[in-house]
């Protein structure tokens, strides 16, 4: 399992693309899953606060109060595991898995705008954790995007879920030894 934070996303995913290319040249790294954090700090409990990209064949809540886990065919199992962990460790939070089927991510560009994409393209299971960015947050990429607009309880629950995944993977790995 790897958790990596990248720069240069808005420059054509440069940071993550270079990292995945570096992984391909290393035989001593066997990455089973990658977790990419897109935007995970904004929550809005108002009806109608959540939208989706036009034409995307995925439906979700119209209230922007959930953490979304974007998973393609190689990462559905990880999304299921995360949903199970969320039910146990952050039951007060809404966590949804947006599972992409049949390679549809290749057709809809909005599914490929973040640093999970180079991992998907390399066949590495990857989950994008997101609050859905501009499809919820009116401050996205604006001067008004300041610490006071973030929901720290929401981020705490995201952190709890991350830690639950790390611990659960550690237990799984220690049983295999």
Foldseek 3Di string as FASTA:
>chain_A
DDEDEFPCLVVVLVGLLVVLVVVVVDPVDDAQEYEAEDAQWAFFQDAQLADDPPPDPWDDGSGLQAKEKEWEPSAPVVLVVLVVLCCVFVVVHHYYYGYHYDPCCVVDVVSQSGSCNSCVVVVHTYIYIYSSAPSRDVCRPHPPPDPVNTDVVRVVSVVRSVVSVVVVVVVVVVVVD
